[in-house]
Amino acid sequence: METNILVVEDDQEIAFIIRDHLQAKGHYVTVASTGKEGLQDFEQGKYHLAIIDLMIPELSGFDLCQRIRLKSDIPLLILSAKAEDDDKVRGLHLGADDYITKPFSLHELSARVQAQLRRHRQWRKQKFPAYIRFGTRYRLYPEENELTNDGVIVSLTPKEFEILYLFLQFPNKMFTKKEIYKLVWHEECEDEQTVTVHMKGLRDKLNEDKKNPKYIETVWGSGYRFVGDVHNEN
């Protein structure tokens, strides 16, 4: 199946190199040079993945990522010439699935794109329970990619949602950061901080007490495990 990829990059040379490489791999690629143009293309088309440079004009890559994430769960890869952790953390908190620092190899980019597309397709093909109940008020709806707290939607990024779903499938099982990355991102872990960032975001949204968590427990020096009661409802 041909996949539609949106590339939002203001450096025309880089944008066209990415476009030509991905098209040679069998993808259909649309290129936008500003954040506003990228948002317009996204709203008018149907895309399976977006690659967004953070430093684009008119509407920043951070803002574009956030706006797309409010409407879609497609994989988002962010590009930046900056290697600072703050940019990476902010992008991941806004819903990006992966982060690539310039300069990068086309082989690396292609591998990241394929991994994200594969993960997204596998997620869509799964058979899910109607919902999973944990705690006294939380319900997770896998088909809808939705978590509610006493009927109110809790806004999770796609990766936060998948991590929580993983824990709910295996309550009381301890997962290392490397295991979480491999099971959720479907590739070997190169940066454990990515998992750390998503775990912090997930815990914050579950209103976890850092000293006495009700749901996700840190196993010091090892990883994490879900310790709450879980009930599947079919």
C-alpha atoms as a PDB file:
ATOM      1  CA  MET A   1       0.000   0.000   0.000  1.00  0.00           C
ATOM      2  CA  GLU A   2       1.363   3.418  -0.956  1.00  0.00           C
ATOM      3  CA  THR A   3       1.808   5.682   2.032  1.00  0.00           C
ATOM      4  CA  ASN A   4       1.390   9.439   2.030  1.00  0.00           C
ATOM      5  CA  ILE A   5       4.065  11.345   3.926  1.00  0.00           C
ATOM      6  CA  LEU A   6       4.056  15.052   4.735  1.00  0.00           C
ATOM      7  CA  VAL A   7       7.483  16.723   4.969  1.00  0.00           C
ATOM      8  CA  VAL A   8       7.555  20.214   6.506  1.00  0.00           C
ATOM      9  CA  GLU A   9      11.055  21.659   6.058  1.00  0.00           C
ATOM     10  CA  ASP A  10      12.077  25.204   5.123  1.00  0.00           C
ATOM     11  CA  ASP A  11      15.508  24.194   3.785  1.00  0.00           C
ATOM     12  CA  GLN A  12      14.539  23.371   0.212  1.00  0.00           C
ATOM     13  CA  GLU A  13      17.640  21.311  -0.493  1.00  0.00           C
ATOM     14  CA  ILE A  14      17.080  19.068   2.534  1.00  0.00           C
ATOM     15  CA  ALA A  15      13.348  18.835   1.825  1.00  0.00           C
ATOM     16  CA  PHE A  16      13.896  17.668  -1.750  1.00  0.00           C
ATOM     17  CA  ILE A  17      16.584  15.168  -0.732  1.00  0.00           C
ATOM     18  CA  ILE A  18      14.164  13.657   1.803  1.00  0.00           C
ATOM     19  CA  ARG A  19      11.346  13.702  -0.759  1.00  0.00           C
ATOM     20  CA  ASP A  20      13.382  12.002  -3.479  1.00  0.00           C
ATOM     21  CA  HIS A  21      14.721   9.362  -1.096  1.00  0.00           C
ATOM     22  CA  LEU A  22      11.312   8.460   0.322  1.00  0.00           C
ATOM     23  CA  GLN A  23       9.684   8.449  -3.109  1.00  0.00           C
ATOM     24  CA  ALA A  24      12.373   6.024  -4.272  1.00  0.00           C
ATOM     25  CA  LYS A  25      11.235   3.795  -1.388  1.00  0.00           C
ATOM     26  CA  GLY A  26       7.682   3.805  -2.759  1.00  0.00           C
ATOM     27  CA  HIS A  27       6.090   6.568  -0.686  1.00  0.00           C
ATOM     28  CA  TYR A  28       4.104   9.539  -1.968  1.00  0.00           C
ATOM     29  CA  VAL A  29       5.569  12.719  -0.463  1.00  0.00           C
ATOM     30  CA  THR A  30       4.152  16.233  -0.103  1.00  0.00           C
ATOM     31  CA  VAL A  31       6.605  19.008   0.810  1.00  0.00           C
ATOM     32  CA  ALA A  32       5.677  22.207   2.679  1.00  0.00           C
ATOM     33  CA  SER A  33       8.134  24.985   3.522  1.00  0.00           C
ATOM     34  CA  THR A  34       6.272  26.730   6.370  1.00  0.00           C
ATOM     35  CA  GLY A  35       4.267  25.654   9.376  1.00  0.00           C
ATOM     36  CA  LYS A  36       1.083  27.242   8.042  1.00  0.00           C
ATOM     37  CA  GLU A  37       1.497  25.550   4.670  1.00  0.00           C
ATOM     38  CA  GLY A  38       2.140  22.245   6.422  1.00  0.00           C
ATOM     39  CA  LEU A  39      -1.000  22.598   8.535  1.00  0.00           C
ATOM     40  CA  GLN A  40      -3.060  23.425   5.456  1.00  0.00           C
ATOM     41  CA  ASP A  41      -1.682  20.407   3.580  1.00  0.00           C
ATOM     42  CA  PHE A  42      -2.413  18.168   6.555  1.00  0.00           C
ATOM     43  CA  GLU A  43      -6.000  19.383   6.860  1.00  0.00           C
ATOM     44  CA  GLN A  44      -6.665  18.968   3.140  1.00  0.00           C
ATOM     45  CA  GLY A  45      -5.012  15.582   2.670  1.00  0.00           C
ATOM     46  CA  LYS A  46      -4.813  12.139   4.222  1.00  0.00           C
ATOM     47  CA  TYR A  47      -1.358  11.311   5.547  1.00  0.00           C
ATOM     48  CA  HIS A  48       0.134   8.265   7.213  1.00  0.00           C
ATOM     49  CA  LEU A  49       3.166  10.045   8.713  1.00  0.00           C
ATOM     50  CA  ALA A  50       4.624  13.552   9.021  1.00  0.00           C
ATOM     51  CA  ILE A  51       8.243  14.711   9.237  1.00  0.00           C
ATOM     52  CA  ILE A  52       8.459  18.181  10.785  1.00  0.00           C
ATOM     53  CA  ASP A  53      11.452  20.471  11.246  1.00  0.00           C
ATOM     54  CA  LEU A  54      11.208  22.407  14.494  1.00  0.00           C
ATOM     55  CA  MET A  55      12.594  25.688  13.147  1.00  0.00           C
ATOM     56  CA  ILE A  56      10.125  26.275  10.297  1.00  0.00           C
ATOM     57  CA  PRO A  57       8.736  29.824   9.813  1.00  0.00           C
ATOM     58  CA  GLU A  58       5.209  31.205  10.366  1.00  0.00           C
ATOM     59  CA  LEU A  59       4.118  28.369  12.651  1.00  0.00           C
ATOM     60  CA  SER A  60       6.826  26.584  14.630  1.00  0.00           C
ATOM     61  CA  GLY A  61       7.382  22.863  14.425  1.00  0.00           C
ATOM     62  CA  PHE A  62       6.314  22.593  18.065  1.00  0.00           C
ATOM     63  CA  ASP A  63       2.992  24.311  17.351  1.00  0.00           C
ATOM     64  CA  LEU A  64       2.406  22.302  14.179  1.00  0.00           C
ATOM     65  CA  CYS A  65       3.114  19.058  15.984  1.00  0.00           C
ATOM     66  CA  GLN A  66       0.643  19.980  18.714  1.00  0.00           C
ATOM     67  CA  ARG A  67      -2.097  20.952  16.243  1.00  0.00           C
ATOM     68  CA  ILE A  68      -1.736  17.766  14.229  1.00  0.00           C
ATOM     69  CA  ARG A  69      -1.732  15.675  17.382  1.00  0.00           C
ATOM     70  CA  LEU A  70      -5.061  17.164  18.476  1.00  0.00           C
ATOM     71  CA  LYS A  71      -6.652  15.775  15.306  1.00  0.00           C
ATOM     72  CA  SER A  72      -4.708  12.635  14.447  1.00  0.00           C
ATOM     73  CA  ASP A  73      -2.613   9.794  15.860  1.00  0.00           C
ATOM     74  CA  ILE A  74      -0.353   9.440  12.803  1.00  0.00           C
ATOM     75  CA  PRO A  75       3.367   9.047  13.606  1.00  0.00           C
ATOM     76  CA  LEU A  76       5.210  12.366  13.899  1.00  0.00           C
ATOM     77  CA  LEU A  77       8.983  12.590  13.418  1.00  0.00           C
ATOM     78  CA  ILE A  78      10.615  15.873  14.356  1.00  0.00           C
ATOM     79  CA  LEU A  79      13.877  17.169  12.893  1.00  0.00           C
ATOM     80  CA  SER A  80      16.211  19.692  14.461  1.00  0.00           C
ATOM     81  CA  ALA A  81      19.737  21.005  14.068  1.00  0.00           C
ATOM     82  CA  LYS A  82      19.768  21.328  17.852  1.00  0.00           C
ATOM     83  CA  ALA A  83      20.790  18.420  20.027  1.00  0.00           C
ATOM     84  CA  GLU A  84      19.579  20.013  23.276  1.00  0.00           C
ATOM     85  CA  ASP A  85      17.515  17.774  25.512  1.00  0.00           C
ATOM     86  CA  ASP A  86      14.992  20.565  26.173  1.00  0.00           C
ATOM     87  CA  ASP A  87      13.880  20.594  22.531  1.00  0.00           C
ATOM     88  CA  LYS A  88      13.606  16.830  22.460  1.00  0.00           C
ATOM     89  CA  VAL A  89      11.633  16.686  25.700  1.00  0.00           C
ATOM     90  CA  ARG A  90       9.268  19.449  24.580  1.00  0.00           C
ATOM     91  CA  GLY A  91       8.656  17.785  21.220  1.00  0.00           C
ATOM     92  CA  LEU A  92       7.929  14.411  22.795  1.00  0.00           C
ATOM     93  CA  HIS A  93       5.577  15.991  25.343  1.00  0.00           C
ATOM     94  CA  LEU A  94       3.651  17.601  22.473  1.00  0.00           C
ATOM     95  CA  GLY A  95       3.069  14.206  20.893  1.00  0.00           C
ATOM     96  CA  ALA A  96       6.031  13.511  18.618  1.00  0.00           C
ATOM     97  CA  ASP A  97       6.885   9.836  18.258  1.00  0.00           C
ATOM     98  CA  ASP A  98      10.549  10.202  17.377  1.00  0.00           C
ATOM     99  CA  TYR A  99      13.294  12.825  17.172  1.00  0.00           C
ATOM    100  CA  ILE A 100      16.141  13.011  14.640  1.00  0.00           C
ATOM    101  CA  THR A 101      19.036  15.439  14.989  1.00  0.00           C
ATOM    102  CA  LYS A 102      20.652  17.000  11.930  1.00  0.00           C
ATOM    103  CA  PRO A 103      22.852  15.981  10.247  1.00  0.00           C
ATOM    104  CA  PHE A 104      21.369  12.517   9.787  1.00  0.00           C
ATOM    105  CA  SER A 105      21.833   9.762   7.232  1.00  0.00           C
ATOM    106  CA  LEU A 106      19.072   8.920   4.779  1.00  0.00           C
ATOM    107  CA  HIS A 107      19.430   5.310   5.881  1.00  0.00           C
ATOM    108  CA  GLU A 108      18.633   6.317   9.471  1.00  0.00           C
ATOM    109  CA  LEU A 109      15.677   8.437   8.381  1.00  0.00           C
ATOM    110  CA  SER A 110      14.270   5.658   6.217  1.00  0.00           C
ATOM    111  CA  ALA A 111      14.661   3.126   9.033  1.00  0.00           C
ATOM    112  CA  ARG A 112      12.841   5.418  11.479  1.00  0.00           C
ATOM    113  CA  VAL A 113      10.037   6.046   8.981  1.00  0.00           C
ATOM    114  CA  GLN A 114       9.561   2.328   8.289  1.00  0.00           C
ATOM    115  CA  ALA A 115       9.585   1.492  12.002  1.00  0.00           C
ATOM    116  CA  GLN A 116       6.915   4.092  12.768  1.00  0.00           C
ATOM    117  CA  LEU A 117       4.691   3.046   9.872  1.00  0.00           C
ATOM    118  CA  ARG A 118       5.019  -0.616  10.820  1.00  0.00           C
ATOM    119  CA  ARG A 119       4.195   0.102  14.454  1.00  0.00           C
ATOM    120  CA  HIS A 120       1.152   2.156  13.510  1.00  0.00           C
ATOM    121  CA  ARG A 121      -0.202  -0.538  11.175  1.00  0.00           C
ATOM    122  CA  GLN A 122       0.300  -3.280  13.762  1.00  0.00           C
ATOM    123  CA  TRP A 123      -1.534  -1.224  16.365  1.00  0.00           C
ATOM    124  CA  ARG A 124      -4.481  -0.721  14.014  1.00  0.00           C
ATOM    125  CA  LYS A 125      -4.738  -4.468  13.301  1.00  0.00           C
ATOM    126  CA  GLN A 126      -4.954  -5.552  16.928  1.00  0.00           C
ATOM    127  CA  LYS A 127      -8.147  -6.889  18.474  1.00  0.00           C
ATOM    128  CA  PHE A 128      -8.991  -5.021  21.643  1.00  0.00           C
ATOM    129  CA  PRO A 129     -11.372  -5.391  24.589  1.00  0.00           C
ATOM    130  CA  ALA A 130     -14.206  -2.857  24.726  1.00  0.00           C
ATOM    131  CA  TYR A 131     -12.414  -1.087  27.555  1.00  0.00           C
ATOM    132  CA  ILE A 132     -10.036  -1.723  30.437  1.00  0.00           C
ATOM    133  CA  ARG A 133     -10.926  -0.471  33.893  1.00  0.00           C
ATOM    134  CA  PHE A 134      -8.365   0.375  36.560  1.00  0.00           C
ATOM    135  CA  GLY A 135      -8.579   2.281  39.798  1.00  0.00           C
ATOM    136  CA  THR A 136     -12.032   3.518  40.718  1.00  0.00           C
ATOM    137  CA  ARG A 137     -12.555   5.940  37.835  1.00  0.00           C
ATOM    138  CA  TYR A 138     -10.194   5.219  34.953  1.00  0.00           C
ATOM    139  CA  ARG A 139     -11.273   3.514  31.751  1.00  0.00           C
ATOM    140  CA  LEU A 140      -9.030   2.942  28.748  1.00  0.00           C
ATOM    141  CA  TYR A 141     -10.686   2.390  25.352  1.00  0.00           C
ATOM    142  CA  PRO A 142      -8.100   0.792  23.004  1.00  0.00           C
ATOM    143  CA  GLU A 143     -10.173   1.058  19.816  1.00  0.00           C
ATOM    144  CA  GLU A 144     -10.693   4.785  20.322  1.00  0.00           C
ATOM    145  CA  ASN A 145      -7.189   5.476  21.713  1.00  0.00           C
ATOM    146  CA  GLU A 146      -8.949   7.154  24.618  1.00  0.00           C
ATOM    147  CA  LEU A 147      -8.525   7.289  28.390  1.00  0.00           C
ATOM    148  CA  THR A 148     -11.207   8.698  30.668  1.00  0.00           C
ATOM    149  CA  ASN A 149     -11.216   9.631  34.340  1.00  0.00           C
ATOM    150  CA  ASP A 150     -14.756   9.533  35.705  1.00  0.00           C
ATOM    151  CA  GLY A 151     -16.019  10.094  32.157  1.00  0.00           C
ATOM    152  CA  VAL A 152     -13.683  13.010  31.398  1.00  0.00           C
ATOM    153  CA  ILE A 153     -11.151  12.446  28.611  1.00  0.00           C
ATOM    154  CA  VAL A 154      -7.499  12.457  29.691  1.00  0.00           C
ATOM    155  CA  SER A 155      -5.343  13.766  26.853  1.00  0.00           C
ATOM    156  CA  LEU A 156      -2.520  11.268  26.231  1.00  0.00           C
ATOM    157  CA  THR A 157      -0.032  11.274  23.389  1.00  0.00           C
ATOM    158  CA  PRO A 158      -0.110   8.100  21.242  1.00  0.00           C
ATOM    159  CA  LYS A 159       3.076   6.801  22.864  1.00  0.00           C
ATOM    160  CA  GLU A 160       1.812   7.493  26.395  1.00  0.00           C
ATOM    161  CA  PHE A 161      -1.356   5.618  25.464  1.00  0.00           C
ATOM    162  CA  GLU A 162       0.569   2.618  24.111  1.00  0.00           C
ATOM    163  CA  ILE A 163       2.816   2.459  27.167  1.00  0.00           C
ATOM    164  CA  LEU A 164      -0.209   2.494  29.477  1.00  0.00           C
ATOM    165  CA  TYR A 165      -1.919  -0.188  27.387  1.00  0.00           C
ATOM    166  CA  LEU A 166       1.232  -2.324  27.615  1.00  0.00           C
ATOM    167  CA  PHE A 167       1.228  -2.046  31.406  1.00  0.00           C
ATOM    168  CA  LEU A 168      -2.479  -2.863  31.621  1.00  0.00           C
ATOM    169  CA  GLN A 169      -1.949  -6.026  29.579  1.00  0.00           C
ATOM    170  CA  PHE A 170       0.686  -7.218  32.040  1.00  0.00           C
ATOM    171  CA  PRO A 171      -0.127  -5.878  35.526  1.00  0.00           C
ATOM    172  CA  ASN A 172       2.625  -6.393  38.112  1.00  0.00           C
ATOM    173  CA  LYS A 173       5.147  -7.326  35.405  1.00  0.00           C
ATOM    174  CA  MET A 174       8.356  -5.283  35.523  1.00  0.00           C
ATOM    175  CA  PHE A 175       9.570  -3.757  32.249  1.00  0.00           C
ATOM    176  CA  THR A 176      12.983  -2.182  31.728  1.00  0.00           C
ATOM    177  CA  LYS A 177      13.198   1.029  29.709  1.00  0.00           C
ATOM    178  CA  LYS A 178      14.822  -0.905  26.877  1.00  0.00           C
ATOM    179  CA  GLU A 179      11.946  -3.422  26.874  1.00  0.00           C
ATOM    180  CA  ILE A 180       9.332  -0.659  26.856  1.00  0.00           C
ATOM    181  CA  TYR A 181      11.065   1.046  23.939  1.00  0.00           C
ATOM    182  CA  LYS A 182      11.309  -2.155  21.917  1.00  0.00           C
ATOM    183  CA  LEU A 183       7.681  -3.149  22.567  1.00  0.00           C
ATOM    184  CA  VAL A 184       6.229   0.315  21.876  1.00  0.00           C
ATOM    185  CA  TRP A 185       8.597   1.732  19.238  1.00  0.00           C
ATOM    186  CA  HIS A 186       9.318  -1.687  17.643  1.00  0.00           C
ATOM    187  CA  GLU A 187      13.055  -1.143  17.398  1.00  0.00           C
ATOM    188  CA  GLU A 188      16.103  -1.463  19.611  1.00  0.00           C
ATOM    189  CA  CYS A 189      16.478   1.269  22.223  1.00  0.00           C
ATOM    190  CA  GLU A 190      19.121   3.887  21.471  1.00  0.00           C
ATOM    191  CA  ASP A 191      18.021   6.520  23.977  1.00  0.00           C
ATOM    192  CA  GLU A 192      16.406   5.588  27.292  1.00  0.00           C
ATOM    193  CA  GLN A 193      15.573   9.243  27.952  1.00  0.00           C
ATOM    194  CA  THR A 194      12.794   8.989  25.373  1.00  0.00           C
ATOM    195  CA  VAL A 195      11.065   6.443  27.619  1.00  0.00           C
ATOM    196  CA  THR A 196      11.780   8.548  30.719  1.00  0.00           C
ATOM    197  CA  VAL A 197      10.097  11.578  29.137  1.00  0.00           C
ATOM    198  CA  HIS A 198       6.981   9.613  28.168  1.00  0.00           C
ATOM    199  CA  MET A 199       6.784   7.938  31.578  1.00  0.00           C
ATOM    200  CA  LYS A 200       6.879  11.321  33.311  1.00  0.00           C
ATOM    201  CA  GLY A 201       4.144  12.641  31.029  1.00  0.00           C
ATOM    202  CA  LEU A 202       1.984   9.574  31.641  1.00  0.00           C
ATOM    203  CA  ARG A 203       2.407   9.710  35.403  1.00  0.00           C
ATOM    204  CA  ASP A 204       1.620  13.414  35.510  1.00  0.00           C
ATOM    205  CA  LYS A 205      -1.620  12.807  33.609  1.00  0.00           C
ATOM    206  CA  LEU A 206      -2.567   9.990  35.985  1.00  0.00           C
ATOM    207  CA  ASN A 207      -2.012  12.441  38.870  1.00  0.00           C
ATOM    208  CA  GLU A 208       0.507  10.074  40.409  1.00  0.00           C
ATOM    209  CA  ASP A 209       2.034  10.851  43.798  1.00  0.00           C
ATOM    210  CA  LYS A 210       5.785  10.585  43.178  1.00  0.00           C
ATOM    211  CA  LYS A 211       6.455   9.231  46.671  1.00  0.00           C
ATOM    212  CA  ASN A 212       3.518   6.843  46.781  1.00  0.00           C
ATOM    213  CA  PRO A 213       2.273   6.003  43.247  1.00  0.00           C
ATOM    214  CA  LYS A 214      -1.062   4.220  42.946  1.00  0.00           C
ATOM    215  CA  TYR A 215      -0.525   2.790  39.481  1.00  0.00           C
ATOM    216  CA  ILE A 216       2.993   2.919  38.019  1.00  0.00           C
ATOM    217  CA  GLU A 217       5.785   1.953  40.363  1.00  0.00           C
ATOM    218  CA  THR A 218       9.486   2.560  39.741  1.00  0.00           C
ATOM    219  CA  VAL A 219      11.640  -0.501  40.364  1.00  0.00           C
ATOM    220  CA  TRP A 220      14.860   1.322  41.173  1.00  0.00           C
ATOM    221  CA  GLY A 221      17.739   0.383  38.909  1.00  0.00           C
ATOM    222  CA  SER A 222      15.492  -1.878  36.853  1.00  0.00           C
ATOM    223  CA  GLY A 223      12.390  -0.289  35.339  1.00  0.00           C
ATOM    224  CA  TYR A 224       8.650   0.135  35.930  1.00  0.00           C
ATOM    225  CA  ARG A 225       5.577  -1.954  36.690  1.00  0.00           C
ATOM    226  CA  PHE A 226       1.837  -1.356  36.965  1.00  0.00           C
ATOM    227  CA  VAL A 227       0.567  -2.140  40.469  1.00  0.00           C
ATOM    228  CA  GLY A 228      -3.141  -1.222  40.321  1.00  0.00           C
ATOM    229  CA  ASP A 229      -6.108  -3.567  39.847  1.00  0.00           C
ATOM    230  CA  VAL A 230      -7.005  -4.167  36.193  1.00  0.00           C
ATOM    231  CA  HIS A 231     -10.315  -5.426  34.762  1.00  0.00           C
ATOM    232  CA  ASN A 232     -10.963  -6.153  31.067  1.00  0.00           C
ATOM    233  CA  GLU A 233     -14.515  -5.538  29.852  1.00  0.00           C
ATOM    234  CA  ASN A 234     -15.465  -7.244  26.561  1.00  0.00           C
END
